Structures are given as C-alpha cells and as structure tokens.
C-alpha cells in the first residue's frame, strides 16, 4: 500500500511517538457539492487515513469538519478565523500527546 509506505518513510521510528499529523478537511462549500454517496466515501477516506497514521504509532487528527465556509479562503486554505480555530485544535492535540508521553502540560510556578 503506497500510503503505508509513505508513512513508514516519512517518520523514523524514534520520532513517531512525538509526531502529530493534522489532516485538513475540505471547505464545507465544496463538500456540499458532493453527492451523498461521495460524502460517505470522503468520510471513509479520512477515517481510514487517520487509522493508518495511528496504526504506524503516529498521533493523527483531522480538522475542518465543523468549520464554516468563512473559515476557508478556498477549498483547503484557511482564513484568519479558520487558522485561529485550527490553533486551538492543535494545542489540544499537543497537550493530549504530551500527557500520553508523560510530559508536564501545565507550567509550574
């Protein structure tokens, strides 16, 4: 499988536990143009891709599913508002990963 091979190549073993991959969904404007069957296929593709990254020992999450059309400048690139939403999601994912790795997640006085 080409994606599995790409994942294996992209993240050396020692870095996998400390790597976070974020998958961007398409703008809702464009997603609405898909047929219901195409939307199901799109969802399955994201689910399966996330599973492949995770099976390789790499944390993975998606973003954009619940974003508004205004959060995108085009099909994939975020607006300022979308970037702010993404920043919050990434921060949450990093804190989760840090906890799993045993790192402190809050500053100590």
PDB file of N, CA and C in Angstrom:
ATOM      1  N   UNK A   1       0.848  -1.184   0.000  1.00  0.00           N
ATOM      2  CA  UNK A   1       0.000   0.000   0.000  1.00  0.00           C
ATOM      3  C   UNK A   1       0.891   1.243   0.000  1.00  0.00           C
ATOM      4  N   UNK A   2       0.661   2.129  -0.952  1.00  0.00           N
ATOM      5  CA  UNK A   2       1.521   3.308  -1.119  1.00  0.00           C
ATOM      6  C   UNK A   2       1.486   4.250   0.080  1.00  0.00           C
ATOM      7  N   UNK A   3       0.314   4.475   0.655  1.00  0.00           N
ATOM      8  CA  UNK A   3       0.238   5.373   1.806  1.00  0.00           C
ATOM      9  C   UNK A   3       0.993   4.798   2.992  1.00  0.00           C
ATOM     10  N   UNK A   4       0.837   3.515   3.243  1.00  0.00           N
ATOM     11  CA  UNK A   4       1.583   2.885   4.345  1.00  0.00           C
ATOM     12  C   UNK A   4       3.086   3.065   4.139  1.00  0.00           C
ATOM     13  N   UNK A   5       3.529   2.850   2.921  1.00  0.00           N
ATOM     14  CA  UNK A   5       4.953   3.005   2.610  1.00  0.00           C
ATOM     15  C   UNK A   5       5.398   4.447   2.836  1.00  0.00           C
ATOM     16  N   UNK A   6       4.574   5.384   2.420  1.00  0.00           N
ATOM     17  CA  UNK A   6       4.893   6.794   2.627  1.00  0.00           C
ATOM     18  C   UNK A   6       4.966   7.161   4.095  1.00  0.00           C
ATOM     19  N   UNK A   7       4.059   6.616   4.876  1.00  0.00           N
ATOM     20  CA  UNK A   7       4.069   6.865   6.317  1.00  0.00           C
ATOM     21  C   UNK A   7       5.338   6.281   6.932  1.00  0.00           C
ATOM     22  N   UNK A   8       5.658   5.065   6.570  1.00  0.00           N
ATOM     23  CA  UNK A   8       6.872   4.428   7.092  1.00  0.00           C
ATOM     24  C   UNK A   8       8.100   5.267   6.766  1.00  0.00           C
ATOM     25  N   UNK A   9       8.153   5.779   5.577  1.00  0.00           N
ATOM     26  CA  UNK A   9       9.301   6.569   5.136  1.00  0.00           C
ATOM     27  C   UNK A   9       9.350   7.940   5.794  1.00  0.00           C
ATOM     28  N   UNK A  10       8.176   8.539   6.037  1.00  0.00           N
ATOM     29  CA  UNK A  10       8.128   9.932   6.480  1.00  0.00           C
ATOM     30  C   UNK A  10       8.491  10.141   7.945  1.00  0.00           C
ATOM     31  N   UNK A  11       8.330   9.149   8.757  1.00  0.00           N
ATOM     32  CA  UNK A  11       8.563   9.330  10.190  1.00  0.00           C
ATOM     33  C   UNK A  11       9.400   8.179  10.731  1.00  0.00           C
ATOM     34  N   UNK A  12      10.677   8.431  10.961  1.00  0.00           N
ATOM     35  CA  UNK A  12      11.526   7.377  11.547  1.00  0.00           C
ATOM     36  C   UNK A  12      10.971   6.921  12.895  1.00  0.00           C
ATOM     37  N   UNK A  13      11.162   5.660  13.209  1.00  0.00           N
ATOM     38  CA  UNK A  13      10.628   5.055  14.427  1.00  0.00           C
ATOM     39  C   UNK A  13      10.750   5.878  15.688  1.00  0.00           C
ATOM     40  N   UNK A  14      11.958   6.384  16.017  1.00  0.00           N
ATOM     41  CA  UNK A  14      12.101   7.129  17.272  1.00  0.00           C
ATOM     42  C   UNK A  14      11.277   8.423  17.341  1.00  0.00           C
ATOM     43  N   UNK A  15      10.895   8.973  16.200  1.00  0.00           N
ATOM     44  CA  UNK A  15      10.129  10.228  16.194  1.00  0.00           C
ATOM     45  C   UNK A  15       8.620  10.011  16.214  1.00  0.00           C
ATOM     46  N   UNK A  16       8.182   8.828  15.942  1.00  0.00           N
ATOM     47  CA  UNK A  16       6.742   8.583  15.773  1.00  0.00           C
ATOM     48  C   UNK A  16       5.919   8.940  16.994  1.00  0.00           C
ATOM     49  N   UNK A  17       6.395   8.591  18.153  1.00  0.00           N
ATOM     50  CA  UNK A  17       5.621   8.866  19.369  1.00  0.00           C
ATOM     51  C   UNK A  17       5.485  10.361  19.629  1.00  0.00           C
ATOM     52  N   UNK A  18       6.369  11.166  19.036  1.00  0.00           N
ATOM     53  CA  UNK A  18       6.343  12.615  19.260  1.00  0.00           C
ATOM     54  C   UNK A  18       5.847  13.395  18.044  1.00  0.00           C
ATOM     55  N   UNK A  19       5.255  12.709  17.096  1.00  0.00           N
ATOM     56  CA  UNK A  19       4.803  13.345  15.861  1.00  0.00           C
ATOM     57  C   UNK A  19       3.287  13.458  15.865  1.00  0.00           C
ATOM     58  N   UNK A  20       2.797  14.581  15.365  1.00  0.00           N
ATOM     59  CA  UNK A  20       1.367  14.815  15.219  1.00  0.00           C
ATOM     60  C   UNK A  20       1.099  15.177  13.764  1.00  0.00           C
ATOM     61  N   UNK A  21       0.193  14.453  13.139  1.00  0.00           N
ATOM     62  CA  UNK A  21      -0.227  14.729  11.770  1.00  0.00           C
ATOM     63  C   UNK A  21      -1.646  15.278  11.814  1.00  0.00           C
ATOM     64  N   UNK A  22      -1.862  16.399  11.149  1.00  0.00           N
ATOM     65  CA  UNK A  22      -3.184  17.011  11.074  1.00  0.00           C
ATOM     66  C   UNK A  22      -3.685  16.914   9.636  1.00  0.00           C
ATOM     67  N   UNK A  23      -4.854  16.304   9.465  1.00  0.00           N
ATOM     68  CA  UNK A  23      -5.468  16.175   8.139  1.00  0.00           C
ATOM     69  C   UNK A  23      -6.552  17.229   7.973  1.00  0.00           C
ATOM     70  N   UNK A  24      -6.442  18.007   6.915  1.00  0.00           N
ATOM     71  CA  UNK A  24      -7.397  19.073   6.643  1.00  0.00           C
ATOM     72  C   UNK A  24      -8.580  18.564   5.834  1.00  0.00           C
ATOM     73  N   UNK A  25      -9.762  18.807   6.337  1.00  0.00           N
ATOM     74  CA  UNK A  25     -10.971  18.538   5.559  1.00  0.00           C
ATOM     75  C   UNK A  25     -11.143  19.658   4.531  1.00  0.00           C
ATOM     76  N   UNK A  26     -11.976  19.423   3.553  1.00  0.00           N
ATOM     77  CA  UNK A  26     -12.280  20.443   2.563  1.00  0.00           C
ATOM     78  C   UNK A  26     -13.312  21.417   3.108  1.00  0.00           C
ATOM     79  N   UNK A  27     -13.329  22.600   2.537  1.00  0.00           N
ATOM     80  CA  UNK A  27     -14.314  23.610   2.906  1.00  0.00           C
ATOM     81  C   UNK A  27     -15.727  23.044   2.763  1.00  0.00           C
ATOM     82  N   UNK A  28     -16.602  23.389   3.702  1.00  0.00           N
ATOM     83  CA  UNK A  28     -17.992  22.926   3.598  1.00  0.00           C
ATOM     84  C   UNK A  28     -18.653  23.379   2.290  1.00  0.00           C
ATOM     85  N   UNK A  29     -18.224  24.511   1.760  1.00  0.00           N
ATOM     86  CA  UNK A  29     -18.772  24.985   0.480  1.00  0.00           C
ATOM     87  C   UNK A  29     -18.586  23.916  -0.595  1.00  0.00           C
ATOM     88  N   UNK A  30     -17.397  23.342  -0.669  1.00  0.00           N
ATOM     89  CA  UNK A  30     -17.107  22.335  -1.682  1.00  0.00           C
ATOM     90  C   UNK A  30     -17.656  20.966  -1.295  1.00  0.00           C
ATOM     91  N   UNK A  31     -17.666  20.686  -0.008  1.00  0.00           N
ATOM     92  CA  UNK A  31     -18.207  19.403   0.445  1.00  0.00           C
ATOM     93  C   UNK A  31     -19.687  19.282   0.081  1.00  0.00           C
ATOM     94  N   UNK A  32     -20.416  20.402   0.151  1.00  0.00           N
ATOM     95  CA  UNK A  32     -21.837  20.389  -0.200  1.00  0.00           C
ATOM     96  C   UNK A  32     -22.066  20.067  -1.676  1.00  0.00           C
ATOM     97  N   UNK A  33     -21.045  20.244  -2.500  1.00  0.00           N
ATOM     98  CA  UNK A  33     -21.176  19.935  -3.924  1.00  0.00           C
ATOM     99  C   UNK A  33     -21.099  18.439  -4.202  1.00  0.00           C
ATOM    100  N   UNK A  34     -20.646  17.660  -3.215  1.00  0.00           N
ATOM    101  CA  UNK A  34     -20.550  16.214  -3.373  1.00  0.00           C
ATOM    102  C   UNK A  34     -21.928  15.574  -3.231  1.00  0.00           C
ATOM    103  N   UNK A  35     -22.129  14.475  -3.909  1.00  0.00           N
ATOM    104  CA  UNK A  35     -23.359  13.708  -3.719  1.00  0.00           C
ATOM    105  C   UNK A  35     -23.311  13.063  -2.331  1.00  0.00           C
ATOM    106  N   UNK A  36     -24.442  12.623  -1.824  1.00  0.00           N
ATOM    107  CA  UNK A  36     -24.412  11.933  -0.524  1.00  0.00           C
ATOM    108  C   UNK A  36     -23.449  10.740  -0.521  1.00  0.00           C
ATOM    109  N   UNK A  37     -23.414   9.995  -1.603  1.00  0.00           N
ATOM    110  CA  UNK A  37     -22.509   8.848  -1.689  1.00  0.00           C
ATOM    111  C   UNK A  37     -21.051   9.307  -1.663  1.00  0.00           C
ATOM    112  N   UNK A  38     -20.753  10.394  -2.356  1.00  0.00           N
ATOM    113  CA  UNK A  38     -19.395  10.928  -2.357  1.00  0.00           C
ATOM    114  C   UNK A  38     -19.004  11.441  -0.977  1.00  0.00           C
ATOM    115  N   UNK A  39     -19.963  12.012  -0.249  1.00  0.00           N
ATOM    116  CA  UNK A  39     -19.679  12.475   1.106  1.00  0.00           C
ATOM    117  C   UNK A  39     -19.351  11.300   2.014  1.00  0.00           C
ATOM    118  N   UNK A  40     -20.065  10.204   1.869  1.00  0.00           N
ATOM    119  CA  UNK A  40     -19.774   8.995   2.654  1.00  0.00           C
ATOM    120  C   UNK A  40     -18.378   8.498   2.307  1.00  0.00           C
ATOM    121  N   UNK A  41     -18.059   8.441   1.038  1.00  0.00           N
ATOM    122  CA  UNK A  41     -16.733   7.988   0.605  1.00  0.00           C
ATOM    123  C   UNK A  41     -15.643   8.906   1.163  1.00  0.00           C
ATOM    124  N   UNK A  42     -15.889  10.207   1.159  1.00  0.00           N
ATOM    125  CA  UNK A  42     -14.941  11.180   1.698  1.00  0.00           C
ATOM    126  C   UNK A  42     -14.709  10.924   3.187  1.00  0.00           C
ATOM    127  N   UNK A  43     -15.780  10.726   3.931  1.00  0.00           N
ATOM    128  CA  UNK A  43     -15.664  10.437   5.367  1.00  0.00           C
ATOM    129  C   UNK A  43     -14.866   9.160   5.613  1.00  0.00           C
ATOM    130  N   UNK A  44     -15.149   8.130   4.819  1.00  0.00           N
ATOM    131  CA  UNK A  44     -14.418   6.872   4.967  1.00  0.00           C
ATOM    132  C   UNK A  44     -12.935   7.049   4.661  1.00  0.00           C
ATOM    133  N   UNK A  45     -12.630   7.845   3.667  1.00  0.00           N
ATOM    134  CA  UNK A  45     -11.226   8.071   3.312  1.00  0.00           C
ATOM    135  C   UNK A  45     -10.487   8.740   4.466  1.00  0.00           C
ATOM    136  N   UNK A  46     -11.110   9.727   5.105  1.00  0.00           N
ATOM    137  CA  UNK A  46     -10.464  10.374   6.251  1.00  0.00           C
ATOM    138  C   UNK A  46     -10.333   9.405   7.416  1.00  0.00           C
ATOM    139  N   UNK A  47     -11.392   8.657   7.694  1.00  0.00           N
ATOM    140  CA  UNK A  47     -11.341   7.679   8.791  1.00  0.00           C
ATOM    141  C   UNK A  47     -10.224   6.667   8.569  1.00  0.00           C
ATOM    142  N   UNK A  48     -10.155   6.135   7.365  1.00  0.00           N
ATOM    143  CA  UNK A  48      -9.142   5.117   7.060  1.00  0.00           C
ATOM    144  C   UNK A  48      -7.733   5.695   7.073  1.00  0.00           C
ATOM    145  N   UNK A  49      -7.572   6.922   6.594  1.00  0.00           N
ATOM    146  CA  UNK A  49      -6.252   7.552   6.587  1.00  0.00           C
ATOM    147  C   UNK A  49      -5.780   7.836   8.007  1.00  0.00           C
ATOM    148  N   UNK A  50      -6.678   8.335   8.846  1.00  0.00           N
ATOM    149  CA  UNK A  50      -6.324   8.548  10.251  1.00  0.00           C
ATOM    150  C   UNK A  50      -5.906   7.227  10.897  1.00  0.00           C
ATOM    151  N   UNK A  51      -6.628   6.179  10.604  1.00  0.00           N
ATOM    152  CA  UNK A  51      -6.298   4.864  11.172  1.00  0.00           C
ATOM    153  C   UNK A  51      -4.911   4.401  10.736  1.00  0.00           C
ATOM    154  N   UNK A  52      -4.545   4.624   9.480  1.00  0.00           N
ATOM    155  CA  UNK A  52      -3.218   4.216   9.002  1.00  0.00           C
ATOM    156  C   UNK A  52      -2.104   4.949   9.754  1.00  0.00           C
ATOM    157  N   UNK A  53      -2.254   6.245   9.938  1.00  0.00           N
ATOM    158  CA  UNK A  53      -1.243   7.005  10.694  1.00  0.00           C
ATOM    159  C   UNK A  53      -1.154   6.475  12.118  1.00  0.00           C
ATOM    160  N   UNK A  54      -2.299   6.269  12.739  1.00  0.00           N
ATOM    161  CA  UNK A  54      -2.311   5.813  14.135  1.00  0.00           C
ATOM    162  C   UNK A  54      -1.748   4.401  14.274  1.00  0.00           C
ATOM    163  N   UNK A  55      -2.057   3.528  13.321  1.00  0.00           N
ATOM    164  CA  UNK A  55      -1.501   2.174  13.352  1.00  0.00           C
ATOM    165  C   UNK A  55       0.021   2.192  13.256  1.00  0.00           C
ATOM    166  N   UNK A  56       0.561   3.219  12.622  1.00  0.00           N
ATOM    167  CA  UNK A  56       2.011   3.357  12.498  1.00  0.00           C
ATOM    168  C   UNK A  56       2.628   3.984  13.752  1.00  0.00           C
ATOM    169  N   UNK A  57       1.794   4.264  14.762  1.00  0.00           N
ATOM    170  CA  UNK A  57       2.301   4.832  16.008  1.00  0.00           C
ATOM    171  C   UNK A  57       2.435   6.338  15.990  1.00  0.00           C
ATOM    172  N   UNK A  58       1.687   6.997  15.108  1.00  0.00           N
ATOM    173  CA  UNK A  58       1.754   8.452  14.961  1.00  0.00           C
ATOM    174  C   UNK A  58       0.391   9.037  15.308  1.00  0.00           C
ATOM    175  N   UNK A  59       0.385  10.020  16.196  1.00  0.00           N
ATOM    176  CA  UNK A  59      -0.864  10.692  16.544  1.00  0.00           C
ATOM    177  C   UNK A  59      -1.383  11.423  15.306  1.00  0.00           C
ATOM    178  N   UNK A  60      -2.668  11.332  15.074  1.00  0.00           N
ATOM    179  CA  UNK A  60      -3.270  11.973  13.910  1.00  0.00           C
ATOM    180  C   UNK A  60      -4.663  12.461  14.261  1.00  0.00           C
ATOM    181  N   UNK A  61      -5.007  13.625  13.720  1.00  0.00           N
ATOM    182  CA  UNK A  61      -6.330  14.197  13.929  1.00  0.00           C
ATOM    183  C   UNK A  61      -6.724  14.946  12.666  1.00  0.00           C
ATOM    184  N   UNK A  62      -7.991  15.190  12.533  1.00  0.00           N
ATOM    185  CA  UNK A  62      -8.481  15.968  11.404  1.00  0.00           C
ATOM    186  C   UNK A  62      -9.054  17.281  11.912  1.00  0.00           C
ATOM    187  N   UNK A  63      -9.185  18.223  11.013  1.00  0.00           N
ATOM    188  CA  UNK A  63      -9.821  19.494  11.348  1.00  0.00           C
ATOM    189  C   UNK A  63     -10.591  19.996  10.139  1.00  0.00           C
ATOM    190  N   UNK A  64     -11.540  20.855  10.396  1.00  0.00           N
ATOM    191  CA  UNK A  64     -12.302  21.482   9.331  1.00  0.00           C
ATOM    192  C   UNK A  64     -13.684  20.919   9.126  1.00  0.00           C
ATOM    193  N   UNK A  65     -13.975  19.753   9.690  1.00  0.00           N
ATOM    194  CA  UNK A  65     -15.294  19.140   9.508  1.00  0.00           C
ATOM    195  C   UNK A  65     -16.403  20.070  10.004  1.00  0.00           C
ATOM    196  N   UNK A  66     -16.181  20.692  11.143  1.00  0.00           N
ATOM    197  CA  UNK A  66     -17.217  21.551  11.720  1.00  0.00           C
ATOM    198  C   UNK A  66     -16.928  23.035  11.512  1.00  0.00           C
ATOM    199  N   UNK A  67     -15.987  23.352  10.613  1.00  0.00           N
ATOM    200  CA  UNK A  67     -15.689  24.745  10.306  1.00  0.00           C
ATOM    201  C   UNK A  67     -16.770  25.296   9.367  1.00  0.00           C
ATOM    202  N   UNK A  68     -16.901  26.620   9.360  1.00  0.00           N
ATOM    203  CA  UNK A  68     -17.840  27.302   8.468  1.00  0.00           C
ATOM    204  C   UNK A  68     -17.142  27.628   7.143  1.00  0.00           C
ATOM    205  N   UNK A  69     -17.903  27.844   6.087  1.00  0.00           N
ATOM    206  CA  UNK A  69     -17.279  28.225   4.821  1.00  0.00           C
ATOM    207  C   UNK A  69     -16.360  29.446   4.962  1.00  0.00           C
ATOM    208  N   UNK A  70     -16.705  30.354   5.859  1.00  0.00           N
ATOM    209  CA  UNK A  70     -15.903  31.562   6.070  1.00  0.00           C
ATOM    210  C   UNK A  70     -14.548  31.266   6.708  1.00  0.00           C
ATOM    211  N   UNK A  71     -14.385  30.072   7.238  1.00  0.00           N
ATOM    212  CA  UNK A  71     -13.108  29.679   7.844  1.00  0.00           C
ATOM    213  C   UNK A  71     -12.088  29.263   6.788  1.00  0.00           C
ATOM    214  N   UNK A  72     -12.519  29.228   5.544  1.00  0.00           N
ATOM    215  CA  UNK A  72     -11.650  28.845   4.430  1.00  0.00           C
ATOM    216  C   UNK A  72     -11.541  29.999   3.442  1.00  0.00           C
ATOM    217  N   UNK A  73     -10.367  30.154   2.858  1.00  0.00           N
ATOM    218  CA  UNK A  73     -10.184  31.123   1.789  1.00  0.00           C
ATOM    219  C   UNK A  73     -10.465  30.493   0.436  1.00  0.00           C
ATOM    220  N   UNK A  74     -10.314  29.190   0.369  1.00  0.00           N
ATOM    221  CA  UNK A  74     -10.615  28.410  -0.823  1.00  0.00           C
ATOM    222  C   UNK A  74     -10.931  26.995  -0.364  1.00  0.00           C
ATOM    223  N   UNK A  75     -10.715  26.001  -1.213  1.00  0.00           N
ATOM    224  CA  UNK A  75     -11.079  24.632  -0.845  1.00  0.00           C
ATOM    225  C   UNK A  75     -10.340  24.117   0.384  1.00  0.00           C
ATOM    226  N   UNK A  76      -9.054  24.461   0.526  1.00  0.00           N
ATOM    227  CA  UNK A  76      -8.261  23.892   1.620  1.00  0.00           C
ATOM    228  C   UNK A  76      -7.567  24.909   2.506  1.00  0.00           C
ATOM    229  N   UNK A  77      -7.298  26.096   1.992  1.00  0.00           N
ATOM    230  CA  UNK A  77      -6.535  27.077   2.774  1.00  0.00           C
ATOM    231  C   UNK A  77      -7.458  27.842   3.717  1.00  0.00           C
ATOM    232  N   UNK A  78      -6.990  27.991   4.947  1.00  0.00           N
ATOM    233  CA  UNK A  78      -7.811  28.621   5.972  1.00  0.00           C
ATOM    234  C   UNK A  78      -7.732  30.139   5.926  1.00  0.00           C
ATOM    235  N   UNK A  79      -8.809  30.761   6.347  1.00  0.00           N
ATOM    236  CA  UNK A  79      -8.826  32.196   6.591  1.00  0.00           C
ATOM    237  C   UNK A  79      -8.218  32.434   7.982  1.00  0.00           C
ATOM    238  N   UNK A  80      -8.145  33.687   8.392  1.00  0.00           N
ATOM    239  CA  UNK A  80      -7.639  34.000   9.732  1.00  0.00           C
ATOM    240  C   UNK A  80      -8.508  33.319  10.787  1.00  0.00           C
ATOM    241  N   UNK A  81      -9.815  33.396  10.619  1.00  0.00           N
ATOM    242  CA  UNK A  81     -10.725  32.767  11.590  1.00  0.00           C
ATOM    243  C   UNK A  81     -10.501  31.252  11.637  1.00  0.00           C
ATOM    244  N   UNK A  82     -10.338  30.632  10.482  1.00  0.00           N
ATOM    245  CA  UNK A  82     -10.077  29.201  10.440  1.00  0.00           C
ATOM    246  C   UNK A  82      -8.743  28.855  11.076  1.00  0.00           C
ATOM    247  N   UNK A  83      -7.753  29.712  10.857  1.00  0.00           N
ATOM    248  CA  UNK A  83      -6.440  29.488  11.472  1.00  0.00           C
ATOM    249  C   UNK A  83      -6.511  29.545  12.983  1.00  0.00           C
ATOM    250  N   UNK A  84      -7.322  30.439  13.491  1.00  0.00           N
ATOM    251  CA  UNK A  84      -7.492  30.513  14.949  1.00  0.00           C
ATOM    252  C   UNK A  84      -8.146  29.244  15.487  1.00  0.00           C
ATOM    253  N   UNK A  85      -9.141  28.749  14.773  1.00  0.00           N
ATOM    254  CA  UNK A  85      -9.782  27.506  15.196  1.00  0.00           C
ATOM    255  C   UNK A  85      -8.781  26.349  15.155  1.00  0.00           C
ATOM    256  N   UNK A  86      -8.006  26.291  14.082  1.00  0.00           N
ATOM    257  CA  UNK A  86      -7.007  25.235  13.957  1.00  0.00           C
ATOM    258  C   UNK A  86      -5.991  25.316  15.087  1.00  0.00           C
ATOM    259  N   UNK A  87      -5.558  26.514  15.444  1.00  0.00           N
ATOM    260  CA  UNK A  87      -4.579  26.675  16.523  1.00  0.00           C
ATOM    261  C   UNK A  87      -5.104  26.061  17.825  1.00  0.00           C
ATOM    262  N   UNK A  88      -6.378  26.270  18.118  1.00  0.00           N
ATOM    263  CA  UNK A  88      -6.958  25.683  19.322  1.00  0.00           C
ATOM    264  C   UNK A  88      -6.986  24.169  19.263  1.00  0.00           C
ATOM    265  N   UNK A  89      -7.299  23.626  18.106  1.00  0.00           N
ATOM    266  CA  UNK A  89      -7.339  22.173  17.945  1.00  0.00           C
ATOM    267  C   UNK A  89      -5.939  21.588  18.085  1.00  0.00           C
ATOM    268  N   UNK A  90      -4.964  22.214  17.444  1.00  0.00           N
ATOM    269  CA  UNK A  90      -3.589  21.715  17.524  1.00  0.00           C
ATOM    270  C   UNK A  90      -3.095  21.777  18.964  1.00  0.00           C
ATOM    271  N   UNK A  91      -3.376  22.866  19.665  1.00  0.00           N
ATOM    272  CA  UNK A  91      -2.950  22.986  21.063  1.00  0.00           C
ATOM    273  C   UNK A  91      -3.536  21.852  21.907  1.00  0.00           C
ATOM    274  N   UNK A  92      -4.810  21.563  21.695  1.00  0.00           N
ATOM    275  CA  UNK A  92      -5.453  20.469  22.440  1.00  0.00           C
ATOM    276  C   UNK A  92      -4.805  19.129  22.110  1.00  0.00           C
ATOM    277  N   UNK A  93      -4.544  18.882  20.841  1.00  0.00           N
ATOM    278  CA  UNK A  93      -3.920  17.619  20.429  1.00  0.00           C
ATOM    279  C   UNK A  93      -2.509  17.490  20.994  1.00  0.00           C
ATOM    280  N   UNK A  94      -1.764  18.578  21.009  1.00  0.00           N
ATOM    281  CA  UNK A  94      -0.405  18.544  21.553  1.00  0.00           C
ATOM    282  C   UNK A  94      -0.442  18.270  23.050  1.00  0.00           C
ATOM    283  N   UNK A  95      -1.372  18.882  23.763  1.00  0.00           N
ATOM    284  CA  UNK A  95      -1.490  18.616  25.199  1.00  0.00           C
ATOM    285  C   UNK A  95      -1.835  17.155  25.463  1.00  0.00           C
ATOM    286  N   UNK A  96      -2.718  16.601  24.651  1.00  0.00           N
ATOM    287  CA  UNK A  96      -3.068  15.179  24.794  1.00  0.00           C
ATOM    288  C   UNK A  96      -1.840  14.312  24.561  1.00  0.00           C
ATOM    289  N   UNK A  97      -1.110  14.595  23.493  1.00  0.00           N
ATOM    290  CA  UNK A  97       0.091  13.831  23.176  1.00  0.00           C
ATOM    291  C   UNK A  97       1.131  13.975  24.287  1.00  0.00           C
ATOM    292  N   UNK A  98       1.295  15.189  24.802  1.00  0.00           N
ATOM    293  CA  UNK A  98       2.262  15.417  25.873  1.00  0.00           C
ATOM    294  C   UNK A  98       1.906  14.603  27.121  1.00  0.00           C
ATOM    295  N   UNK A  99       0.621  14.568  27.462  1.00  0.00           N
ATOM    296  CA  UNK A  99       0.189  13.765  28.614  1.00  0.00           C
ATOM    297  C   UNK A  99       0.498  12.292  28.388  1.00  0.00           C
ATOM    298  N   UNK A 100       0.226  11.803  27.177  1.00  0.00           N
ATOM    299  CA  UNK A 100       0.487  10.397  26.871  1.00  0.00           C
ATOM    300  C   UNK A 100       1.976  10.075  26.977  1.00  0.00           C
ATOM    301  N   UNK A 101       2.812  11.043  26.676  1.00  0.00           N
ATOM    302  CA  UNK A 101       4.261  10.838  26.734  1.00  0.00           C
ATOM    303  C   UNK A 101       4.832  11.111  28.127  1.00  0.00           C
ATOM    304  N   UNK A 102       3.981  11.567  29.034  1.00  0.00           N
ATOM    305  CA  UNK A 102       4.441  11.819  30.388  1.00  0.00           C
ATOM    306  C   UNK A 102       5.062  13.188  30.609  1.00  0.00           C
ATOM    307  N   UNK A 103       4.883  14.093  29.648  1.00  0.00           N
ATOM    308  CA  UNK A 103       5.431  15.451  29.805  1.00  0.00           C
ATOM    309  C   UNK A 103       4.463  16.290  30.625  1.00  0.00           C
ATOM    310  N   UNK A 104       4.980  17.241  31.397  1.00  0.00           N
ATOM    311  CA  UNK A 104       4.058  18.146  32.089  1.00  0.00           C
ATOM    312  C   UNK A 104       3.335  19.006  31.075  1.00  0.00           C
ATOM    313  N   UNK A 105       2.054  19.224  31.298  1.00  0.00           N
ATOM    314  CA  UNK A 105       1.276  20.020  30.345  1.00  0.00           C
ATOM    315  C   UNK A 105       0.896  21.384  30.877  1.00  0.00           C
ATOM    316  N   UNK A 106       1.169  21.645  32.104  1.00  0.00           N
ATOM    317  CA  UNK A 106       0.886  22.951  32.685  1.00  0.00           C
ATOM    318  C   UNK A 106       2.180  23.514  33.256  1.00  0.00           C
ATOM    319  N   UNK A 107       2.341  24.812  33.115  1.00  0.00           N
ATOM    320  CA  UNK A 107       3.528  25.465  33.688  1.00  0.00           C
ATOM    321  C   UNK A 107       3.460  25.379  35.207  1.00  0.00           C
ATOM    322  N   UNK A 108       4.580  25.123  35.820  1.00  0.00           N
ATOM    323  CA  UNK A 108       4.621  25.059  37.277  1.00  0.00           C
ATOM    324  C   UNK A 108       5.262  26.342  37.777  1.00  0.00           C
ATOM    325  N   UNK A 109       4.695  26.912  38.856  1.00  0.00           N
ATOM    326  CA  UNK A 109       5.246  28.173  39.384  1.00  0.00           C
ATOM    327  C   UNK A 109       6.603  27.975  40.043  1.00  0.00           C
TER     328      UNK A 109
END
